[in-house]
Amino acid sequence: MQQILFIQTGTGIDVHGQNVTKASTRAVEDAIHYNSMPGIEKNLPDQRLENMKVNVKLAVPVDHDKLDKEKIKVIIPYGTVTVEVMNGGMATTSGIFLEDKHDKNDLMYIVNAAVEVGY
């Protein structure tokens, strides 16, 4: 990305499913949900949304290999989207304690996202 015009951050949690894609999706939606970028086209090459680049950075606690990046990309409505994954976030107890702890690990997955918009 040559020039960053806008950055927003968000957090997503999957409380009981241990699904890193679900937590990541929620983090990206949280980052972009309350934003409006009126006039951004004026700052893009040829003033076209198709020229916008979006870099999604995800801080993921575990299961990096299970993250479905394509499900993250479709959340972003315009431009060319890339997804970077790094260590971060948190895996912590959901407060459910199972009798057979070897049967299932009931953790919350917490993911942080930074969404960079530019060209």
PDB file of N, CA and C in Angstrom:
ATOM      1  N   MET A   1       0.855  -1.174   0.000  1.00  0.00           N
ATOM      2  CA  MET A   1       0.000   0.000   0.000  1.00  0.00           C
ATOM      3  C   MET A   1       0.898   1.233   0.000  1.00  0.00           C
ATOM      4  N   GLN A   2       0.650   2.094  -0.933  1.00  0.00           N
ATOM      5  CA  GLN A   2       1.460   3.295  -1.090  1.00  0.00           C
ATOM      6  C   GLN A   2       1.090   4.395  -0.083  1.00  0.00           C
ATOM      7  N   GLN A   3      -0.212   4.571   0.164  1.00  0.00           N
ATOM      8  CA  GLN A   3      -0.675   5.634   1.060  1.00  0.00           C
ATOM      9  C   GLN A   3      -1.871   5.133   1.866  1.00  0.00           C
ATOM     10  N   ILE A   4      -1.775   5.191   3.186  1.00  0.00           N
ATOM     11  CA  ILE A   4      -2.904   4.831   4.057  1.00  0.00           C
ATOM     12  C   ILE A   4      -3.739   6.084   4.284  1.00  0.00           C
ATOM     13  N   LEU A   5      -5.045   5.973   4.059  1.00  0.00           N
ATOM     14  CA  LEU A   5      -5.956   7.096   4.238  1.00  0.00           C
ATOM     15  C   LEU A   5      -6.797   6.970   5.503  1.00  0.00           C
ATOM     16  N   PHE A   6      -6.984   5.762   5.972  1.00  0.00           N
ATOM     17  CA  PHE A   6      -7.953   5.522   7.027  1.00  0.00           C
ATOM     18  C   PHE A   6      -7.594   4.215   7.730  1.00  0.00           C
ATOM     19  N   ILE A   7      -7.663   4.185   9.063  1.00  0.00           N
ATOM     20  CA  ILE A   7      -7.455   2.952   9.836  1.00  0.00           C
ATOM     21  C   ILE A   7      -8.535   2.878  10.901  1.00  0.00           C
ATOM     22  N   GLN A   8      -9.112   1.709  11.052  1.00  0.00           N
ATOM     23  CA  GLN A   8     -10.058   1.488  12.137  1.00  0.00           C
ATOM     24  C   GLN A   8      -9.752   0.141  12.760  1.00  0.00           C
ATOM     25  N   THR A   9     -10.073   0.009  14.045  1.00  0.00           N
ATOM     26  CA  THR A   9      -9.785  -1.221  14.769  1.00  0.00           C
ATOM     27  C   THR A   9     -11.060  -1.815  15.345  1.00  0.00           C
ATOM     28  N   GLY A  10     -11.010  -3.115  15.611  1.00  0.00           N
ATOM     29  CA  GLY A  10     -12.157  -3.788  16.195  1.00  0.00           C
ATOM     30  C   GLY A  10     -11.742  -5.045  16.920  1.00  0.00           C
ATOM     31  N   THR A  11     -12.684  -5.588  17.677  1.00  0.00           N
ATOM     32  CA  THR A  11     -12.467  -6.811  18.441  1.00  0.00           C
ATOM     33  C   THR A  11     -13.624  -7.761  18.187  1.00  0.00           C
ATOM     34  N   GLY A  12     -13.304  -9.039  18.044  1.00  0.00           N
ATOM     35  CA  GLY A  12     -14.332 -10.054  17.860  1.00  0.00           C
ATOM     36  C   GLY A  12     -14.066 -11.244  18.753  1.00  0.00           C
ATOM     37  N   ILE A  13     -15.152 -11.859  19.208  1.00  0.00           N
ATOM     38  CA  ILE A  13     -15.034 -12.976  20.155  1.00  0.00           C
ATOM     39  C   ILE A  13     -15.940 -14.120  19.710  1.00  0.00           C
ATOM     40  N   ASP A  14     -15.420 -15.346  19.783  1.00  0.00           N
ATOM     41  CA  ASP A  14     -16.256 -16.533  19.708  1.00  0.00           C
ATOM     42  C   ASP A  14     -16.214 -17.133  21.100  1.00  0.00           C
ATOM     43  N   VAL A  15     -17.341 -17.061  21.803  1.00  0.00           N
ATOM     44  CA  VAL A  15     -17.372 -17.400  23.225  1.00  0.00           C
ATOM     45  C   VAL A  15     -17.272 -18.902  23.478  1.00  0.00           C
ATOM     46  N   HIS A  16     -17.963 -19.727  22.711  1.00  0.00           N
ATOM     47  CA  HIS A  16     -17.962 -21.161  23.014  1.00  0.00           C
ATOM     48  C   HIS A  16     -17.526 -22.061  21.866  1.00  0.00           C
ATOM     49  N   GLY A  17     -17.420 -21.548  20.646  1.00  0.00           N
ATOM     50  CA  GLY A  17     -17.195 -22.425  19.508  1.00  0.00           C
ATOM     51  C   GLY A  17     -15.758 -22.695  19.139  1.00  0.00           C
ATOM     52  N   GLN A  18     -14.829 -21.979  19.724  1.00  0.00           N
ATOM     53  CA  GLN A  18     -13.404 -22.082  19.375  1.00  0.00           C
ATOM     54  C   GLN A  18     -13.216 -21.981  17.862  1.00  0.00           C
ATOM     55  N   ASN A  19     -13.908 -21.002  17.255  1.00  0.00           N
ATOM     56  CA  ASN A  19     -13.837 -20.801  15.809  1.00  0.00           C
ATOM     57  C   ASN A  19     -13.107 -19.490  15.538  1.00  0.00           C
ATOM     58  N   VAL A  20     -11.865 -19.584  15.109  1.00  0.00           N
ATOM     59  CA  VAL A  20     -11.035 -18.404  14.899  1.00  0.00           C
ATOM     60  C   VAL A  20     -11.563 -17.558  13.734  1.00  0.00           C
ATOM     61  N   THR A  21     -12.188 -18.186  12.735  1.00  0.00           N
ATOM     62  CA  THR A  21     -12.762 -17.424  11.619  1.00  0.00           C
ATOM     63  C   THR A  21     -13.951 -16.604  12.089  1.00  0.00           C
ATOM     64  N   LYS A  22     -14.796 -17.179  12.925  1.00  0.00           N
ATOM     65  CA  LYS A  22     -15.947 -16.441  13.447  1.00  0.00           C
ATOM     66  C   LYS A  22     -15.495 -15.247  14.285  1.00  0.00           C
ATOM     67  N   ALA A  23     -14.523 -15.445  15.154  1.00  0.00           N
ATOM     68  CA  ALA A  23     -14.011 -14.344  15.970  1.00  0.00           C
ATOM     69  C   ALA A  23     -13.367 -13.270  15.088  1.00  0.00           C
ATOM     70  N   SER A  24     -12.647 -13.675  14.055  1.00  0.00           N
ATOM     71  CA  SER A  24     -11.995 -12.726  13.145  1.00  0.00           C
ATOM     72  C   SER A  24     -13.018 -11.947  12.335  1.00  0.00           C
ATOM     73  N   THR A  25     -14.046 -12.628  11.866  1.00  0.00           N
ATOM     74  CA  THR A  25     -15.119 -11.968  11.125  1.00  0.00           C
ATOM     75  C   THR A  25     -15.774 -10.897  11.991  1.00  0.00           C
ATOM     76  N   ARG A  26     -16.049 -11.232  13.209  1.00  0.00           N
ATOM     77  CA  ARG A  26     -16.672 -10.276  14.133  1.00  0.00           C
ATOM     78  C   ARG A  26     -15.748  -9.085  14.398  1.00  0.00           C
ATOM     79  N   ALA A  27     -14.452  -9.328  14.470  1.00  0.00           N
ATOM     80  CA  ALA A  27     -13.497  -8.237  14.704  1.00  0.00           C
ATOM     81  C   ALA A  27     -13.481  -7.270  13.525  1.00  0.00           C
ATOM     82  N   VAL A  28     -13.483  -7.795  12.300  1.00  0.00           N
ATOM     83  CA  VAL A  28     -13.478  -6.940  11.110  1.00  0.00           C
ATOM     84  C   VAL A  28     -14.802  -6.186  11.003  1.00  0.00           C
ATOM     85  N   GLU A  29     -15.913  -6.867  11.239  1.00  0.00           N
ATOM     86  CA  GLU A  29     -17.213  -6.195  11.206  1.00  0.00           C
ATOM     87  C   GLU A  29     -17.277  -5.086  12.258  1.00  0.00           C
ATOM     88  N   ASP A  30     -16.723  -5.345  13.436  1.00  0.00           N
ATOM     89  CA  ASP A  30     -16.677  -4.319  14.481  1.00  0.00           C
ATOM     90  C   ASP A  30     -15.867  -3.116  14.022  1.00  0.00           C
ATOM     91  N   ALA A  31     -14.780  -3.364  13.325  1.00  0.00           N
ATOM     92  CA  ALA A  31     -13.911  -2.274  12.860  1.00  0.00           C
ATOM     93  C   ALA A  31     -14.599  -1.400  11.813  1.00  0.00           C
ATOM     94  N   ILE A  32     -15.368  -2.003  10.926  1.00  0.00           N
ATOM     95  CA  ILE A  32     -15.927  -1.220   9.814  1.00  0.00           C
ATOM     96  C   ILE A  32     -17.386  -0.836  10.007  1.00  0.00           C
ATOM     97  N   HIS A  33     -18.046  -1.395  11.003  1.00  0.00           N
ATOM     98  CA  HIS A  33     -19.486  -1.233  11.171  1.00  0.00           C
ATOM     99  C   HIS A  33     -19.946   0.215  11.351  1.00  0.00           C
ATOM    100  N   TYR A  34     -19.224   0.992  12.086  1.00  0.00           N
ATOM    101  CA  TYR A  34     -19.664   2.346  12.427  1.00  0.00           C
ATOM    102  C   TYR A  34     -18.984   3.425  11.597  1.00  0.00           C
ATOM    103  N   ASN A  35     -18.436   3.049  10.458  1.00  0.00           N
ATOM    104  CA  ASN A  35     -17.656   4.010   9.686  1.00  0.00           C
ATOM    105  C   ASN A  35     -18.332   4.382   8.384  1.00  0.00           C
ATOM    106  N   SER A  36     -18.129   5.632   8.031  1.00  0.00           N
ATOM    107  CA  SER A  36     -18.533   6.122   6.722  1.00  0.00           C
ATOM    108  C   SER A  36     -17.337   6.887   6.182  1.00  0.00           C
ATOM    109  N   MET A  37     -17.062   6.717   4.914  1.00  0.00           N
ATOM    110  CA  MET A  37     -15.901   7.378   4.324  1.00  0.00           C
ATOM    111  C   MET A  37     -16.345   8.246   3.152  1.00  0.00           C
ATOM    112  N   PRO A  38     -17.184   9.248   3.420  1.00  0.00           N
ATOM    113  CA  PRO A  38     -17.643  10.081   2.313  1.00  0.00           C
ATOM    114  C   PRO A  38     -16.466  10.812   1.678  1.00  0.00           C
ATOM    115  N   GLY A  39     -16.469  10.856   0.381  1.00  0.00           N
ATOM    116  CA  GLY A  39     -15.420  11.578  -0.325  1.00  0.00           C
ATOM    117  C   GLY A  39     -14.115  10.835  -0.469  1.00  0.00           C
ATOM    118  N   ILE A  40     -14.043   9.584  -0.023  1.00  0.00           N
ATOM    119  CA  ILE A  40     -12.768   8.871  -0.125  1.00  0.00           C
ATOM    120  C   ILE A  40     -12.353   8.691  -1.581  1.00  0.00           C
ATOM    121  N   GLU A  41     -13.338   8.585  -2.466  1.00  0.00           N
ATOM    122  CA  GLU A  41     -13.016   8.391  -3.886  1.00  0.00           C
ATOM    123  C   GLU A  41     -12.137   9.522  -4.417  1.00  0.00           C
ATOM    124  N   LYS A  42     -12.306  10.729  -3.888  1.00  0.00           N
ATOM    125  CA  LYS A  42     -11.509  11.876  -4.343  1.00  0.00           C
ATOM    126  C   LYS A  42     -10.028  11.677  -4.066  1.00  0.00           C
ATOM    127  N   ASN A  43      -9.714  10.842  -3.081  1.00  0.00           N
ATOM    128  CA  ASN A  43      -8.327  10.599  -2.692  1.00  0.00           C
ATOM    129  C   ASN A  43      -7.716   9.371  -3.356  1.00  0.00           C
ATOM    130  N   LEU A  44      -8.500   8.657  -4.145  1.00  0.00           N
ATOM    131  CA  LEU A  44      -8.021   7.428  -4.787  1.00  0.00           C
ATOM    132  C   LEU A  44      -7.576   7.720  -6.211  1.00  0.00           C
ATOM    133  N   PRO A  45      -6.618   6.934  -6.717  1.00  0.00           N
ATOM    134  CA  PRO A  45      -6.215   7.077  -8.117  1.00  0.00           C
ATOM    135  C   PRO A  45      -7.426   6.935  -9.043  1.00  0.00           C
ATOM    136  N   ASP A  46      -7.553   7.812  -9.985  1.00  0.00           N
ATOM    137  CA  ASP A  46      -8.674   7.851 -10.936  1.00  0.00           C
ATOM    138  C   ASP A  46     -10.023   8.016 -10.241  1.00  0.00           C
ATOM    139  N   GLN A  47     -10.008   8.355  -8.966  1.00  0.00           N
ATOM    140  CA  GLN A  47     -11.218   8.570  -8.163  1.00  0.00           C
ATOM    141  C   GLN A  47     -12.216   7.417  -8.305  1.00  0.00           C
ATOM    142  N   ARG A  48     -11.691   6.190  -8.209  1.00  0.00           N
ATOM    143  CA  ARG A  48     -12.529   4.993  -8.358  1.00  0.00           C
ATOM    144  C   ARG A  48     -12.328   4.070  -7.155  1.00  0.00           C
ATOM    145  N   LEU A  49     -13.437   3.594  -6.579  1.00  0.00           N
ATOM    146  CA  LEU A  49     -13.362   2.684  -5.441  1.00  0.00           C
ATOM    147  C   LEU A  49     -12.635   1.384  -5.781  1.00  0.00           C
ATOM    148  N   GLU A  50     -12.652   0.996  -7.055  1.00  0.00           N
ATOM    149  CA  GLU A  50     -11.954  -0.216  -7.467  1.00  0.00           C
ATOM    150  C   GLU A  50     -10.445  -0.103  -7.230  1.00  0.00           C
ATOM    151  N   ASN A  51      -9.941   1.120  -7.139  1.00  0.00           N
ATOM    152  CA  ASN A  51      -8.508   1.333  -6.919  1.00  0.00           C
ATOM    153  C   ASN A  51      -8.127   1.351  -5.435  1.00  0.00           C
ATOM    154  N   MET A  52      -9.121   1.236  -4.570  1.00  0.00           N
ATOM    155  CA  MET A  52      -8.873   1.232  -3.136  1.00  0.00           C
ATOM    156  C   MET A  52      -8.204  -0.092  -2.749  1.00  0.00           C
ATOM    157  N   LYS A  53      -7.264  -0.010  -1.829  1.00  0.00           N
ATOM    158  CA  LYS A  53      -6.625  -1.199  -1.261  1.00  0.00           C
ATOM    159  C   LYS A  53      -6.986  -1.250   0.216  1.00  0.00           C
ATOM    160  N   VAL A  54      -7.285  -2.454   0.675  1.00  0.00           N
ATOM    161  CA  VAL A  54      -7.648  -2.657   2.072  1.00  0.00           C
ATOM    162  C   VAL A  54      -6.769  -3.771   2.621  1.00  0.00           C
ATOM    163  N   ASN A  55      -6.040  -3.457   3.678  1.00  0.00           N
ATOM    164  CA  ASN A  55      -5.215  -4.459   4.346  1.00  0.00           C
ATOM    165  C   ASN A  55      -5.826  -4.733   5.712  1.00  0.00           C
ATOM    166  N   VAL A  56      -6.241  -5.981   5.918  1.00  0.00           N
ATOM    167  CA  VAL A  56      -6.820  -6.398   7.184  1.00  0.00           C
ATOM    168  C   VAL A  56      -5.732  -7.112   7.974  1.00  0.00           C
ATOM    169  N   LYS A  57      -5.433  -6.590   9.148  1.00  0.00           N
ATOM    170  CA  LYS A  57      -4.461  -7.227  10.038  1.00  0.00           C
ATOM    171  C   LYS A  57      -5.228  -7.854  11.192  1.00  0.00           C
ATOM    172  N   LEU A  58      -4.964  -9.135  11.433  1.00  0.00           N
ATOM    173  CA  LEU A  58      -5.657  -9.866  12.487  1.00  0.00           C
ATOM    174  C   LEU A  58      -4.655 -10.405  13.498  1.00  0.00           C
ATOM    175  N   ALA A  59      -4.865 -10.078  14.760  1.00  0.00           N
ATOM    176  CA  ALA A  59      -4.079 -10.626  15.859  1.00  0.00           C
ATOM    177  C   ALA A  59      -4.875 -11.794  16.432  1.00  0.00           C
ATOM    178  N   VAL A  60      -4.394 -13.001  16.150  1.00  0.00           N
ATOM    179  CA  VAL A  60      -5.126 -14.238  16.411  1.00  0.00           C
ATOM    180  C   VAL A  60      -4.361 -15.049  17.453  1.00  0.00           C
ATOM    181  N   PRO A  61      -5.056 -15.564  18.505  1.00  0.00           N
ATOM    182  CA  PRO A  61      -4.338 -16.270  19.563  1.00  0.00           C
ATOM    183  C   PRO A  61      -3.885 -17.686  19.215  1.00  0.00           C
ATOM    184  N   VAL A  62      -4.697 -18.426  18.453  1.00  0.00           N
ATOM    185  CA  VAL A  62      -4.419 -19.831  18.143  1.00  0.00           C
ATOM    186  C   VAL A  62      -5.048 -20.186  16.797  1.00  0.00           C
ATOM    187  N   ASP A  63      -4.786 -21.380  16.333  1.00  0.00           N
ATOM    188  CA  ASP A  63      -5.445 -21.923  15.141  1.00  0.00           C
ATOM    189  C   ASP A  63      -5.281 -21.064  13.900  1.00  0.00           C
ATOM    190  N   HIS A  64      -4.114 -20.485  13.708  1.00  0.00           N
ATOM    191  CA  HIS A  64      -3.858 -19.661  12.514  1.00  0.00           C
ATOM    192  C   HIS A  64      -4.172 -20.433  11.242  1.00  0.00           C
ATOM    193  N   ASP A  65      -3.867 -21.708  11.233  1.00  0.00           N
ATOM    194  CA  ASP A  65      -4.078 -22.537  10.041  1.00  0.00           C
ATOM    195  C   ASP A  65      -5.554 -22.800   9.754  1.00  0.00           C
ATOM    196  N   LYS A  66      -6.423 -22.573  10.727  1.00  0.00           N
ATOM    197  CA  LYS A  66      -7.862 -22.794  10.539  1.00  0.00           C
ATOM    198  C   LYS A  66      -8.600 -21.525  10.097  1.00  0.00           C
ATOM    199  N   LEU A  67      -7.906 -20.404  10.039  1.00  0.00           N
ATOM    200  CA  LEU A  67      -8.539 -19.149   9.646  1.00  0.00           C
ATOM    201  C   LEU A  67      -8.843 -19.157   8.152  1.00  0.00           C
ATOM    202  N   ASP A  68     -10.095 -18.920   7.794  1.00  0.00           N
ATOM    203  CA  ASP A  68     -10.521 -18.858   6.394  1.00  0.00           C
ATOM    204  C   ASP A  68     -10.437 -17.403   5.928  1.00  0.00           C
ATOM    205  N   LYS A  69      -9.334 -17.046   5.283  1.00  0.00           N
ATOM    206  CA  LYS A  69      -9.100 -15.671   4.848  1.00  0.00           C
ATOM    207  C   LYS A  69     -10.135 -15.212   3.819  1.00  0.00           C
ATOM    208  N   GLU A  70     -10.648 -16.125   3.031  1.00  0.00           N
ATOM    209  CA  GLU A  70     -11.643 -15.748   2.019  1.00  0.00           C
ATOM    210  C   GLU A  70     -12.925 -15.235   2.674  1.00  0.00           C
ATOM    211  N   LYS A  71     -13.302 -15.811   3.817  1.00  0.00           N
ATOM    212  CA  LYS A  71     -14.489 -15.326   4.542  1.00  0.00           C
ATOM    213  C   LYS A  71     -14.255 -13.926   5.110  1.00  0.00           C
ATOM    214  N   ILE A  72     -13.019 -13.600   5.378  1.00  0.00           N
ATOM    215  CA  ILE A  72     -12.689 -12.254   5.855  1.00  0.00           C
ATOM    216  C   ILE A  72     -12.754 -11.274   4.682  1.00  0.00           C
ATOM    217  N   LYS A  73     -12.203 -11.651   3.551  1.00  0.00           N
ATOM    218  CA  LYS A  73     -12.148 -10.758   2.387  1.00  0.00           C
ATOM    219  C   LYS A  73     -13.532 -10.337   1.902  1.00  0.00           C
ATOM    220  N   VAL A  74     -14.507 -11.238   1.949  1.00  0.00           N
ATOM    221  CA  VAL A  74     -15.835 -10.895   1.418  1.00  0.00           C
ATOM    222  C   VAL A  74     -16.582  -9.885   2.277  1.00  0.00           C
ATOM    223  N   ILE A  75     -16.121  -9.644   3.474  1.00  0.00           N
ATOM    224  CA  ILE A  75     -16.753  -8.645   4.342  1.00  0.00           C
ATOM    225  C   ILE A  75     -16.516  -7.231   3.805  1.00  0.00           C
ATOM    226  N   ILE A  76     -15.373  -7.028   3.171  1.00  0.00           N
ATOM    227  CA  ILE A  76     -14.986  -5.706   2.674  1.00  0.00           C
ATOM    228  C   ILE A  76     -15.655  -5.491   1.313  1.00  0.00           C
ATOM    229  N   PRO A  77     -16.481  -4.442   1.186  1.00  0.00           N
ATOM    230  CA  PRO A  77     -17.293  -4.297  -0.032  1.00  0.00           C
ATOM    231  C   PRO A  77     -16.567  -3.756  -1.260  1.00  0.00           C
ATOM    232  N   TYR A  78     -15.427  -3.090  -1.091  1.00  0.00           N
ATOM    233  CA  TYR A  78     -14.761  -2.451  -2.223  1.00  0.00           C
ATOM    234  C   TYR A  78     -13.262  -2.726  -2.199  1.00  0.00           C
ATOM    235  N   GLY A  79     -12.651  -2.608  -3.362  1.00  0.00           N
ATOM    236  CA  GLY A  79     -11.203  -2.625  -3.469  1.00  0.00           C
ATOM    237  C   GLY A  79     -10.581  -4.011  -3.458  1.00  0.00           C
ATOM    238  N   THR A  80      -9.257  -3.983  -3.444  1.00  0.00           N
ATOM    239  CA  THR A  80      -8.456  -5.197  -3.360  1.00  0.00           C
ATOM    240  C   THR A  80      -8.112  -5.423  -1.897  1.00  0.00           C
ATOM    241  N   VAL A  81      -8.430  -6.615  -1.402  1.00  0.00           N
ATOM    242  CA  VAL A  81      -8.281  -6.901   0.031  1.00  0.00           C
ATOM    243  C   VAL A  81      -7.172  -7.927   0.256  1.00  0.00           C
ATOM    244  N   THR A  82      -6.297  -7.620   1.212  1.00  0.00           N
ATOM    245  CA  THR A  82      -5.300  -8.578   1.681  1.00  0.00           C
ATOM    246  C   THR A  82      -5.529  -8.810   3.164  1.00  0.00           C
ATOM    247  N   VAL A  83      -5.139  -9.994   3.625  1.00  0.00           N
ATOM    248  CA  VAL A  83      -5.308 -10.346   5.038  1.00  0.00           C
ATOM    249  C   VAL A  83      -3.966 -10.790   5.587  1.00  0.00           C
ATOM    250  N   GLU A  84      -3.530 -10.123   6.658  1.00  0.00           N
ATOM    251  CA  GLU A  84      -2.303 -10.489   7.382  1.00  0.00           C
ATOM    252  C   GLU A  84      -2.701 -11.081   8.724  1.00  0.00           C
ATOM    253  N   VAL A  85      -2.058 -12.169   9.101  1.00  0.00           N
ATOM    254  CA  VAL A  85      -2.341 -12.806  10.385  1.00  0.00           C
ATOM    255  C   VAL A  85      -1.072 -12.791  11.220  1.00  0.00           C
ATOM    256  N   MET A  86      -1.225 -12.417  12.474  1.00  0.00           N
ATOM    257  CA  MET A  86      -0.087 -12.369  13.391  1.00  0.00           C
ATOM    258  C   MET A  86      -0.507 -12.915  14.751  1.00  0.00           C
ATOM    259  N   ASN A  87       0.464 -13.214  15.578  1.00  0.00           N
ATOM    260  CA  ASN A  87       0.173 -13.654  16.935  1.00  0.00           C
ATOM    261  C   ASN A  87      -0.404 -12.511  17.736  1.00  0.00           C
ATOM    262  N   GLY A  88      -1.377 -12.824  18.559  1.00  0.00           N
ATOM    263  CA  GLY A  88      -1.984 -11.805  19.406  1.00  0.00           C
ATOM    264  C   GLY A  88      -3.336 -12.274  19.899  1.00  0.00           C
ATOM    265  N   GLY A  89      -4.185 -11.329  20.248  1.00  0.00           N
ATOM    266  CA  GLY A  89      -5.498 -11.687  20.761  1.00  0.00           C
ATOM    267  C   GLY A  89      -5.390 -12.435  22.069  1.00  0.00           C
ATOM    268  N   MET A  90      -6.386 -13.284  22.336  1.00  0.00           N
ATOM    269  CA  MET A  90      -6.400 -14.015  23.604  1.00  0.00           C
ATOM    270  C   MET A  90      -7.268 -15.256  23.480  1.00  0.00           C
ATOM    271  N   ALA A  91      -6.855 -16.314  24.126  1.00  0.00           N
ATOM    272  CA  ALA A  91      -7.689 -17.489  24.343  1.00  0.00           C
ATOM    273  C   ALA A  91      -7.808 -17.614  25.857  1.00  0.00           C
ATOM    274  N   THR A  92      -9.026 -17.481  26.350  1.00  0.00           N
ATOM    275  CA  THR A  92      -9.231 -17.494  27.797  1.00  0.00           C
ATOM    276  C   THR A  92     -10.486 -18.292  28.131  1.00  0.00           C
ATOM    277  N   THR A  93     -10.625 -18.663  29.364  1.00  0.00           N
ATOM    278  CA  THR A  93     -11.766 -19.468  29.765  1.00  0.00           C
ATOM    279  C   THR A  93     -13.075 -18.724  29.522  1.00  0.00           C
ATOM    280  N   SER A  94     -14.090 -19.496  29.143  1.00  0.00           N
ATOM    281  CA  SER A  94     -15.422 -18.925  28.972  1.00  0.00           C
ATOM    282  C   SER A  94     -16.216 -19.045  30.268  1.00  0.00           C
ATOM    283  N   GLY A  95     -15.620 -19.632  31.275  1.00  0.00           N
ATOM    284  CA  GLY A  95     -16.300 -19.807  32.551  1.00  0.00           C
ATOM    285  C   GLY A  95     -17.011 -21.143  32.676  1.00  0.00           C
ATOM    286  N   ILE A  96     -16.996 -21.918  31.607  1.00  0.00           N
ATOM    287  CA  ILE A  96     -17.603 -23.240  31.631  1.00  0.00           C
ATOM    288  C   ILE A  96     -16.504 -24.249  31.972  1.00  0.00           C
ATOM    289  N   PHE A  97     -16.721 -24.997  33.015  1.00  0.00           N
ATOM    290  CA  PHE A  97     -15.750 -26.002  33.397  1.00  0.00           C
ATOM    291  C   PHE A  97     -16.389 -27.372  33.200  1.00  0.00           C
ATOM    292  N   LEU A  98     -15.842 -28.120  32.290  1.00  0.00           N
ATOM    293  CA  LEU A  98     -16.379 -29.432  31.955  1.00  0.00           C
ATOM    294  C   LEU A  98     -15.767 -30.494  32.849  1.00  0.00           C
ATOM    295  N   GLU A  99     -16.555 -31.521  33.148  1.00  0.00           N
ATOM    296  CA  GLU A  99     -16.056 -32.600  34.002  1.00  0.00           C
ATOM    297  C   GLU A  99     -14.884 -33.320  33.342  1.00  0.00           C
ATOM    298  N   ASP A 100     -15.012 -33.624  32.075  1.00  0.00           N
ATOM    299  CA  ASP A 100     -13.942 -34.308  31.357  1.00  0.00           C
ATOM    300  C   ASP A 100     -13.164 -33.260  30.560  1.00  0.00           C
ATOM    301  N   LYS A 101     -12.128 -32.714  31.145  1.00  0.00           N
ATOM    302  CA  LYS A 101     -11.371 -31.637  30.506  1.00  0.00           C
ATOM    303  C   LYS A 101     -10.631 -32.112  29.261  1.00  0.00           C
ATOM    304  N   HIS A 102     -10.496 -33.398  29.086  1.00  0.00           N
ATOM    305  CA  HIS A 102      -9.830 -33.918  27.891  1.00  0.00           C
ATOM    306  C   HIS A 102     -10.801 -34.004  26.713  1.00  0.00           C
ATOM    307  N   ASP A 103     -12.103 -33.922  27.011  1.00  0.00           N
ATOM    308  CA  ASP A 103     -13.123 -34.051  25.974  1.00  0.00           C
ATOM    309  C   ASP A 103     -13.221 -32.792  25.107  1.00  0.00           C
ATOM    310  N   LYS A 104     -13.258 -31.633  25.714  1.00  0.00           N
ATOM    311  CA  LYS A 104     -13.401 -30.385  24.968  1.00  0.00           C
ATOM    312  C   LYS A 104     -12.791 -29.246  25.773  1.00  0.00           C
ATOM    313  N   ASN A 105     -12.120 -28.365  25.081  1.00  0.00           N
ATOM    314  CA  ASN A 105     -11.535 -27.200  25.716  1.00  0.00           C
ATOM    315  C   ASN A 105     -12.473 -26.029  25.461  1.00  0.00           C
ATOM    316  N   ASP A 106     -13.200 -25.575  26.444  1.00  0.00           N
ATOM    317  CA  ASP A 106     -14.198 -24.533  26.248  1.00  0.00           C
ATOM    318  C   ASP A 106     -13.591 -23.153  26.493  1.00  0.00           C
ATOM    319  N   LEU A 107     -12.871 -22.681  25.490  1.00  0.00           N
ATOM    320  CA  LEU A 107     -12.213 -21.381  25.562  1.00  0.00           C
ATOM    321  C   LEU A 107     -12.924 -20.347  24.703  1.00  0.00           C
ATOM    322  N   MET A 108     -12.804 -19.089  25.105  1.00  0.00           N
ATOM    323  CA  MET A 108     -13.191 -17.968  24.248  1.00  0.00           C
ATOM    324  C   MET A 108     -11.984 -17.605  23.401  1.00  0.00           C
ATOM    325  N   TYR A 109     -12.215 -17.368  22.106  1.00  0.00           N
ATOM    326  CA  TYR A 109     -11.176 -16.854  21.225  1.00  0.00           C
ATOM    327  C   TYR A 109     -11.469 -15.379  21.007  1.00  0.00           C
ATOM    328  N   ILE A 110     -10.496 -14.543  21.310  1.00  0.00           N
ATOM    329  CA  ILE A 110     -10.636 -13.097  21.151  1.00  0.00           C
ATOM    330  C   ILE A 110      -9.609 -12.641  20.119  1.00  0.00           C
ATOM    331  N   VAL A 111     -10.089 -11.968  19.075  1.00  0.00           N
ATOM    332  CA  VAL A 111      -9.250 -11.523  17.962  1.00  0.00           C
ATOM    333  C   VAL A 111      -9.335 -10.012  17.839  1.00  0.00           C
ATOM    334  N   ASN A 112      -8.210  -9.382  17.592  1.00  0.00           N
ATOM    335  CA  ASN A 112      -8.160  -7.943  17.324  1.00  0.00           C
ATOM    336  C   ASN A 112      -7.903  -7.727  15.836  1.00  0.00           C
ATOM    337  N   ALA A 113      -8.560  -6.713  15.280  1.00  0.00           N
ATOM    338  CA  ALA A 113      -8.388  -6.399  13.855  1.00  0.00           C
ATOM    339  C   ALA A 113      -8.021  -4.936  13.684  1.00  0.00           C
ATOM    340  N   ALA A 114      -7.168  -4.675  12.696  1.00  0.00           N
ATOM    341  CA  ALA A 114      -6.906  -3.314  12.224  1.00  0.00           C
ATOM    342  C   ALA A 114      -7.170  -3.344  10.715  1.00  0.00           C
ATOM    343  N   VAL A 115      -8.021  -2.463  10.264  1.00  0.00           N
ATOM    344  CA  VAL A 115      -8.379  -2.396   8.843  1.00  0.00           C
ATOM    345  C   VAL A 115      -7.800  -1.098   8.283  1.00  0.00           C
ATOM    346  N   GLU A 116      -6.834  -1.245   7.372  1.00  0.00           N
ATOM    347  CA  GLU A 116      -6.180  -0.100   6.748  1.00  0.00           C
ATOM    348  C   GLU A 116      -6.770   0.098   5.352  1.00  0.00           C
ATOM    349  N   VAL A 117      -7.146   1.331   5.043  1.00  0.00           N
ATOM    350  CA  VAL A 117      -7.709   1.656   3.738  1.00  0.00           C
ATOM    351  C   VAL A 117      -6.809   2.695   3.070  1.00  0.00           C
ATOM    352  N   GLY A 118      -6.499   2.472   1.816  1.00  0.00           N
ATOM    353  CA  GLY A 118      -5.647   3.421   1.097  1.00  0.00           C
ATOM    354  C   GLY A 118      -5.527   3.041  -0.352  1.00  0.00           C
ATOM    355  N   TYR A 119      -4.380   3.360  -0.925  1.00  0.00           N
ATOM    356  CA  TYR A 119      -4.111   3.008  -2.339  1.00  0.00           C
ATOM    357  C   TYR A 119      -2.649   2.723  -2.526  1.00  0.00           C
TER     358      TYR A 119
END
